[in-house]
Protein backbone atom coordinates (compact mmCIF):
# COMPACT_ATOMS: atom_id res chain seq x y z
CA UNK A 1 -14.20 -26.99 -51.25
CA UNK A 2 -10.76 -27.90 -49.27
CA UNK A 3 -8.23 -25.40 -50.75
CA UNK A 4 -4.99 -26.45 -49.75
CA UNK A 5 -3.91 -22.74 -50.08
CA UNK A 6 -6.29 -21.24 -47.57
CA UNK A 7 -5.08 -20.81 -44.00
CA UNK A 8 -8.11 -21.21 -41.27
CA UNK A 9 -7.84 -19.66 -38.07
CA UNK A 10 -9.09 -21.25 -34.91
CA UNK A 11 -9.81 -19.10 -32.18
CA UNK A 12 -9.91 -21.12 -28.66
CA UNK A 13 -11.74 -19.62 -25.98
CA UNK A 14 -9.74 -18.31 -22.86
CA UNK A 15 -11.41 -20.57 -20.64
CA UNK A 16 -9.84 -23.58 -22.41
CA UNK A 17 -6.44 -22.22 -22.62
CA UNK A 18 -3.53 -23.88 -20.76
CA UNK A 19 -1.74 -21.47 -17.84
CA UNK A 20 1.52 -22.73 -16.60
CA UNK A 21 4.11 -21.44 -14.23
CA UNK A 22 7.07 -19.72 -15.76
CA UNK A 23 10.67 -21.17 -15.22
CA UNK A 24 11.46 -17.95 -13.08
CA UNK A 25 8.20 -18.83 -11.04
CA UNK A 26 8.88 -22.05 -10.29
CA UNK A 27 13.06 -21.10 -9.34
CA UNK A 28 11.40 -17.98 -6.70
CA UNK A 29 9.03 -21.05 -5.14
CA UNK A 30 11.58 -23.92 -4.87
CA UNK A 31 14.37 -20.99 -3.05
CA UNK A 32 11.93 -20.28 -0.53
CA UNK A 33 10.54 -23.52 0.19
CA UNK A 34 14.26 -24.47 0.39
CA UNK A 35 15.36 -21.53 2.99
CA UNK A 36 12.04 -22.32 4.86
CA UNK A 37 13.22 -25.95 5.25
CA UNK A 38 16.82 -25.21 6.12
CA UNK A 39 15.86 -22.68 8.75
CA UNK A 40 13.23 -25.68 10.06
CA UNK A 41 15.96 -28.49 9.99
CA UNK A 42 18.32 -25.93 11.80
CA UNK A 43 16.09 -25.87 14.66
CA UNK A 44 15.32 -29.63 15.11
CA UNK A 45 19.01 -29.74 17.25
CA UNK A 46 18.04 -27.06 19.65
CA UNK A 47 14.42 -28.19 20.12
CA UNK A 48 15.44 -31.79 20.64
CA UNK A 49 17.86 -30.40 23.28
CA UNK A 50 15.40 -28.57 24.92
CA UNK A 51 13.29 -31.49 25.00
CA UNK A 52 15.59 -33.68 26.53
CA UNK A 53 16.31 -31.00 29.50
CA UNK A 54 12.72 -31.16 30.03
CA UNK A 55 12.34 -35.08 30.16
CA UNK A 56 15.09 -34.95 32.56
CA UNK A 57 13.55 -32.01 34.76
CA UNK A 58 10.16 -33.93 34.73
CA UNK A 59 11.91 -37.24 35.86
CA UNK A 60 14.03 -35.33 38.72
CA UNK A 61 10.42 -33.85 39.88
CA UNK A 62 8.94 -37.13 40.12
CA UNK A 63 11.81 -39.04 41.66
CA UNK A 64 12.00 -36.45 44.58
CA UNK A 65 8.32 -36.57 44.88
CA UNK A 66 8.50 -40.54 45.10
CA UNK A 67 11.31 -39.96 47.75
CA UNK A 68 9.37 -37.31 49.83
CA UNK A 69 6.59 -39.73 50.20
CA UNK A 70 9.03 -42.43 51.06
CA UNK A 71 10.45 -40.24 53.63
CA UNK A 72 7.03 -39.38 55.14
CA UNK A 73 5.99 -42.95 55.42
CA UNK A 74 9.44 -44.26 57.12
CA UNK A 75 9.30 -43.79 60.92
CA UNK A 76 11.14 -40.89 62.00
CA UNK A 77 14.08 -43.38 64.42
CA UNK A 78 14.30 -45.31 61.15
CA UNK A 79 15.51 -42.92 58.53
CA UNK A 80 18.88 -43.44 57.66
CA UNK A 81 21.33 -42.20 54.99
CA UNK A 82 21.94 -44.36 51.71
CA UNK A 83 24.87 -46.25 51.70
CA UNK A 84 24.40 -47.22 47.72
CA UNK A 85 23.66 -45.05 45.15
CA UNK A 86 19.78 -45.69 43.78
CA UNK A 87 19.23 -45.42 40.00
CA UNK A 88 16.03 -44.41 38.03
CA UNK A 89 15.10 -44.72 34.67
CA UNK A 90 13.77 -42.17 32.33
CA UNK A 91 9.85 -43.95 33.70
CA UNK A 92 11.23 -42.50 36.91
CA UNK A 93 11.17 -46.27 38.08
CA UNK A 94 13.65 -47.71 40.16
CA UNK A 95 16.39 -49.82 38.29
CA UNK A 96 19.46 -51.78 39.37
CA UNK A 97 21.88 -51.21 36.43
CA UNK A 98 23.39 -48.01 36.45
CA UNK A 99 23.90 -48.17 32.36
CA UNK A 100 19.88 -47.92 32.34
CA UNK A 101 19.42 -45.36 34.51
CA UNK A 102 18.78 -41.51 33.57
CA UNK A 103 19.23 -39.99 37.30
CA UNK A 104 21.52 -41.58 40.20
CA UNK A 105 20.37 -40.48 44.21
CA UNK A 106 21.98 -40.45 47.35
CA UNK A 107 20.46 -38.89 50.39
CA UNK A 108 21.65 -37.84 53.77
CA UNK A 109 19.88 -36.78 57.06
CA UNK A 110 20.98 -34.35 59.30
CA UNK A 111 19.47 -32.44 62.38
CA UNK A 112 21.41 -29.30 61.10
CA UNK A 113 18.71 -26.92 60.72
CA UNK A 114 20.31 -23.80 60.39
CA UNK A 115 18.94 -23.80 56.74
CA UNK A 116 15.37 -22.52 58.42
CA UNK A 117 16.94 -18.94 58.64
CA UNK A 118 18.04 -18.73 62.15
CA UNK A 119 21.31 -20.60 63.37
CA UNK A 120 20.03 -20.62 66.85
CA UNK A 121 16.69 -22.73 66.02
CA UNK A 122 17.45 -26.54 67.25
CA UNK A 123 14.51 -29.25 66.95
CA UNK A 124 15.61 -32.81 67.60
CA UNK A 125 12.19 -33.72 65.99
CA UNK A 126 13.05 -32.38 62.33
CA UNK A 127 15.46 -33.42 60.21
CA UNK A 128 17.13 -32.05 56.78
CA UNK A 129 16.92 -34.48 54.01
CA UNK A 130 19.98 -33.71 51.65
CA UNK A 131 19.28 -35.24 48.08
CA UNK A 132 21.85 -35.09 45.40
CA UNK A 133 20.92 -35.87 42.00
CA UNK A 134 23.47 -37.30 39.07
CA UNK A 135 22.59 -37.49 35.72
CA UNK A 136 24.52 -39.72 33.24
CA UNK A 137 27.04 -36.97 32.33
CA UNK A 138 27.35 -35.90 36.19
CA UNK A 139 28.24 -39.84 36.93
CA UNK A 140 30.55 -40.19 33.86
CA UNK A 141 33.23 -37.15 35.62
CA UNK A 142 35.64 -38.24 37.82
CA UNK A 143 34.84 -37.31 40.84
CA UNK A 144 31.38 -37.48 40.15
CA UNK A 145 29.45 -34.18 40.51
CA UNK A 146 25.89 -33.74 41.31
CA UNK A 147 23.78 -31.71 39.31
CA UNK A 148 21.08 -30.88 41.61
CA UNK A 149 20.75 -30.94 45.36
CA UNK A 150 17.40 -30.92 46.97
CA UNK A 151 16.54 -29.76 50.79
CA UNK A 152 13.55 -31.62 52.42
CA UNK A 153 12.37 -30.89 55.97
CA UNK A 154 11.46 -34.31 57.71
CA UNK A 155 9.21 -34.05 60.77
CA UNK A 156 7.91 -37.26 62.61
CA UNK A 157 4.16 -37.75 61.79
CA UNK A 158 1.39 -37.53 64.23
CA UNK A 159 0.17 -41.10 65.33
């Protein structure tokens, strides 16, 4: 019954046939993925720069909060200007090594209260703390220039 001259036709059901992507479809998909990855990689430096600025602003705010708290706890007559620059790390903690510091801070106290809006206003029980914040880049300049100035009004506490 096996006749070599007869061709047998075998039909494969549609559910068993293998489907595959064409070369054109694969190339289009790779092009779309490549374009998306290029855009994402291009945005990474911008995101890192914004993160660094955000971290610096957060540390600055925390350092200013610490100084304000320290000034409020210090007796009014004992408030004196900083003689040296104080250095703070990226964790807002005081450090001694300027190379490890994210911020440098100096502060001075003045009785000039003209910043309150009236130059005729004078109060001997009120001091203005002028706080200068220096980033690493600010300290590398010659002469050093502060990137941020904060003013804080300090009055004696009621005992």
